[in-house]
């Protein structure tokens, strides 16, 4: 069952599983998208099928404007919006709650987790934007040494925002448990080729359980 959520600065869709939710996931979008992005819908459906309550939500910058990228000056507001979404989902489920997103959304989730340990119980990060295409020296890894939340990265081998080798090198900066799943031939949008979302769910369950 999916219901629309619009309250206290939270806007999105709540997917509930059949039966009681055993865990939760807050998932959000990239800089040029919103929570209706096909990837997010597919992720939400896969997790709900496996017993999760999933909140796919619009970040504050997207709530303010229907199109266009976020600005650096308001990124803190986006992280605050994510924290609010996680707090809401914790009122829906008694179990652990993971947090993440695609590209910009995942980056903000990882920054929030680095700033506030315990902001979520695990991270799920699709197409982490390691650097701007063609600018590999401008890495977005300053917060990685403070990231202790178990993290699962899903990344295409043809993603211009970071090669597999660049991702492996960057993730070595993270002191907490982390895993990297590479999708052969996929670009930044992860649209093709198709990959096994049930395997992604299984990995997040392992991270949440500590096994």
Protein backbone atom coordinates (compact mmCIF):
# COMPACT_ATOMS: atom_id res chain seq x y z
CA UNK A 1 0.00 0.00 0.00
CA UNK A 2 1.28 3.47 -0.89
CA UNK A 3 0.06 6.69 0.69
CA UNK A 4 0.91 10.34 0.03
CA UNK A 5 2.73 12.16 2.83
CA UNK A 6 2.64 15.94 3.12
CA UNK A 7 3.24 17.26 6.61
CA UNK A 8 5.73 19.26 8.66
CA UNK A 9 8.10 19.83 5.76
CA UNK A 10 7.97 16.20 4.57
CA UNK A 11 6.63 15.51 1.09
CA UNK A 12 6.61 12.14 -0.59
CA UNK A 13 5.14 8.67 -0.62
CA UNK A 14 5.06 6.02 2.08
CA UNK A 15 5.17 2.40 0.93
CA UNK A 16 3.98 -0.14 3.49
CA UNK A 17 4.62 -3.87 3.26
CA UNK A 18 2.03 -6.56 3.65
CA UNK A 19 1.97 -7.14 7.40
CA UNK A 20 4.06 -5.32 9.98
CA UNK A 21 7.18 -3.49 8.84
CA UNK A 22 10.36 -4.99 10.24
CA UNK A 23 12.57 -2.05 9.21
CA UNK A 24 12.44 1.25 7.36
CA UNK A 25 14.15 3.08 4.51
CA UNK A 26 14.16 6.78 3.66
CA UNK A 27 15.22 7.25 0.04
CA UNK A 28 15.57 10.48 -1.92
CA UNK A 29 16.56 11.81 -5.32
CA UNK A 30 19.37 13.41 -7.26
CA UNK A 31 19.94 17.07 -8.09
CA UNK A 32 17.88 17.06 -11.27
CA UNK A 33 15.05 14.79 -10.19
CA UNK A 34 12.35 14.30 -7.58
CA UNK A 35 10.96 11.42 -5.58
CA UNK A 36 9.01 10.18 -8.61
CA UNK A 37 12.25 9.09 -10.29
CA UNK A 38 11.83 5.55 -11.69
CA UNK A 39 14.86 4.27 -9.77
CA UNK A 40 13.38 5.41 -6.46
CA UNK A 41 9.99 3.89 -7.25
CA UNK A 42 11.62 0.55 -8.10
CA UNK A 43 13.76 0.64 -4.96
CA UNK A 44 10.76 1.46 -2.76
CA UNK A 45 8.71 -1.37 -4.24
CA UNK A 46 11.54 -3.88 -3.82
CA UNK A 47 12.11 -2.98 -0.18
CA UNK A 48 8.39 -2.92 0.63
CA UNK A 49 8.07 -6.38 -0.89
CA UNK A 50 10.74 -7.51 1.58
CA UNK A 51 9.10 -6.17 4.73
CA UNK A 52 10.28 -2.54 4.82
CA UNK A 53 8.27 0.63 5.25
CA UNK A 54 9.78 3.00 2.68
CA UNK A 55 9.50 6.78 2.55
CA UNK A 56 10.63 8.17 -0.80
CA UNK A 57 10.65 11.90 -0.38
CA UNK A 58 11.46 15.23 -1.98
CA UNK A 59 14.33 17.15 -0.46
CA UNK A 60 13.57 20.69 0.74
CA UNK A 61 15.15 22.30 -2.35
CA UNK A 62 12.76 20.36 -4.57
CA UNK A 63 9.81 21.25 -2.37
CA UNK A 64 10.67 24.91 -2.97
CA UNK A 65 11.02 24.68 -6.75
CA UNK A 66 9.74 22.14 -9.28
CA UNK A 67 12.92 22.08 -11.37
CA UNK A 68 16.55 23.11 -11.29
CA UNK A 69 19.51 22.04 -9.17
CA UNK A 70 20.09 22.70 -5.47
CA UNK A 71 22.50 25.34 -4.24
CA UNK A 72 25.46 24.83 -1.94
CA UNK A 73 24.09 27.40 0.50
CA UNK A 74 20.93 25.38 1.17
CA UNK A 75 22.48 21.90 1.39
CA UNK A 76 22.23 22.05 5.17
CA UNK A 77 18.48 22.47 4.84
CA UNK A 78 18.34 19.36 2.69
CA UNK A 79 20.16 17.37 5.37
CA UNK A 80 17.77 18.73 7.99
CA UNK A 81 14.90 17.60 5.80
CA UNK A 82 16.37 14.11 5.62
CA UNK A 83 16.73 14.01 9.40
CA UNK A 84 13.09 15.00 9.73
CA UNK A 85 12.05 12.26 7.30
CA UNK A 86 13.97 9.62 9.27
CA UNK A 87 12.41 10.83 12.52
CA UNK A 88 8.97 10.49 10.95
CA UNK A 89 9.67 6.97 9.70
CA UNK A 90 10.86 5.92 13.15
CA UNK A 91 7.31 6.62 14.34
CA UNK A 92 6.04 4.16 11.73
CA UNK A 93 8.41 1.24 12.38
CA UNK A 94 9.89 -0.19 15.56
CA UNK A 95 12.93 -1.65 13.82
CA UNK A 96 16.06 -0.06 12.35
CA UNK A 97 15.88 2.61 9.67
CA UNK A 98 18.25 2.99 6.71
CA UNK A 99 18.68 6.21 4.77
CA UNK A 100 20.04 7.11 1.37
CA UNK A 101 19.40 8.24 -2.14
CA UNK A 102 20.59 8.66 -5.67
CA UNK A 103 23.57 10.93 -6.41
CA UNK A 104 23.04 14.27 -4.59
CA UNK A 105 20.46 12.71 -2.29
CA UNK A 106 22.86 9.97 -1.28
CA UNK A 107 25.67 12.44 -0.76
CA UNK A 108 23.56 14.51 1.61
CA UNK A 109 22.52 11.36 3.46
CA UNK A 110 26.17 10.38 3.91
CA UNK A 111 27.08 13.88 5.10
CA UNK A 112 24.24 13.82 7.63
CA UNK A 113 25.41 10.44 8.90
CA UNK A 114 28.97 11.75 9.22
CA UNK A 115 27.75 14.81 11.14
CA UNK A 116 25.34 12.91 13.38
CA UNK A 117 26.27 9.32 14.18
CA UNK A 118 23.03 7.41 14.66
CA UNK A 119 21.09 9.60 12.22
CA UNK A 120 20.34 6.29 10.49
CA UNK A 121 21.26 2.66 11.10
CA UNK A 122 22.64 2.08 7.59
CA UNK A 123 23.18 3.98 4.33
CA UNK A 124 22.16 3.01 0.80
CA UNK A 125 23.91 5.19 -1.77
CA UNK A 126 23.22 4.91 -5.50
CA UNK A 127 25.69 6.56 -7.92
CA UNK A 128 27.61 8.52 -5.30
CA UNK A 129 28.81 11.71 -7.12
CA UNK A 130 32.47 11.37 -6.21
CA UNK A 131 33.48 14.30 -8.40
CA UNK A 132 32.16 16.45 -11.22
CA UNK A 133 32.74 14.72 -14.58
CA UNK A 134 36.21 15.53 -15.95
CA UNK A 135 37.28 17.04 -12.61
CA UNK A 136 38.63 14.03 -10.70
CA UNK A 137 40.79 16.21 -8.46
CA UNK A 138 37.72 17.84 -6.87
CA UNK A 139 36.68 14.94 -4.66
CA UNK A 140 33.61 15.01 -2.43
CA UNK A 141 35.17 12.90 0.29
CA UNK A 142 35.92 15.38 3.06
CA UNK A 143 33.39 13.76 5.38
CA UNK A 144 34.34 10.15 4.63
CA UNK A 145 36.81 9.81 7.57
CA UNK A 146 33.90 10.59 9.93
CA UNK A 147 31.50 8.09 8.37
CA UNK A 148 30.94 5.19 10.76
CA UNK A 149 27.44 4.17 9.71
CA UNK A 150 27.40 0.87 7.75
CA UNK A 151 27.16 1.88 4.09
CA UNK A 152 26.29 0.15 0.82
CA UNK A 153 27.30 1.86 -2.43
CA UNK A 154 25.78 0.85 -5.79
CA UNK A 155 27.72 2.28 -8.72
CA UNK A 156 27.83 1.89 -12.50
CA UNK A 157 31.13 1.05 -14.14
CA UNK A 158 30.51 3.79 -16.76
CA UNK A 159 29.53 6.50 -14.29
CA UNK A 160 31.39 9.72 -15.23
CA UNK A 161 31.12 10.92 -11.63
CA UNK A 162 33.60 8.26 -10.51
CA UNK A 163 35.34 5.23 -12.00
CA UNK A 164 35.39 1.91 -10.13
CA UNK A 165 39.04 2.45 -9.17
CA UNK A 166 38.32 5.99 -7.98
CA UNK A 167 35.42 4.70 -5.89
CA UNK A 168 37.49 1.93 -4.31
CA UNK A 169 40.24 4.37 -3.40
CA UNK A 170 37.78 6.89 -1.96
CA UNK A 171 35.85 4.32 0.07
CA UNK A 172 39.08 3.25 1.76
CA UNK A 173 38.82 6.55 3.67
CA UNK A 174 35.66 5.36 5.42
CA UNK A 175 36.36 3.82 8.86
CA UNK A 176 32.94 2.20 9.18
CA UNK A 177 31.80 -0.96 7.43
CA UNK A 178 31.17 -0.35 3.75
CA UNK A 179 30.43 -2.37 0.63
CA UNK A 180 30.57 -1.51 -3.08
CA UNK A 181 28.45 -3.20 -5.73
CA UNK A 182 29.44 -2.39 -9.29
CA UNK A 183 26.84 -2.57 -12.07
CA UNK A 184 28.69 -3.51 -15.24
CA UNK A 185 27.96 -1.14 -18.12
CA UNK A 186 25.67 1.18 -16.14
CA UNK A 187 25.93 4.96 -16.19
CA UNK A 188 25.06 7.51 -13.54
CA UNK A 189 21.30 7.00 -13.89
CA UNK A 190 21.60 3.21 -13.38
CA UNK A 191 18.77 2.68 -15.86
CA UNK A 192 20.51 0.04 -17.95
CA UNK A 193 21.35 -2.73 -17.62
CA UNK A 194 18.84 -3.97 -15.07
CA UNK A 195 20.29 -5.15 -11.78
CA UNK A 196 19.02 -7.30 -8.94
CA UNK A 197 17.29 -5.05 -6.42
CA UNK A 198 16.47 -8.02 -4.20
CA UNK A 199 20.23 -8.51 -3.77
CA UNK A 200 20.51 -4.86 -2.74
CA UNK A 201 17.75 -5.38 -0.18
CA UNK A 202 19.55 -8.46 1.17
CA UNK A 203 22.78 -6.49 1.60
CA UNK A 204 21.02 -3.67 3.46
CA UNK A 205 19.36 -6.24 5.73
CA UNK A 206 22.81 -7.65 6.49
CA UNK A 207 24.14 -4.21 7.33
CA UNK A 208 21.17 -3.45 9.58
CA UNK A 209 21.57 -6.76 11.39
CA UNK A 210 25.32 -6.36 11.81
CA UNK A 211 25.98 -9.76 10.22
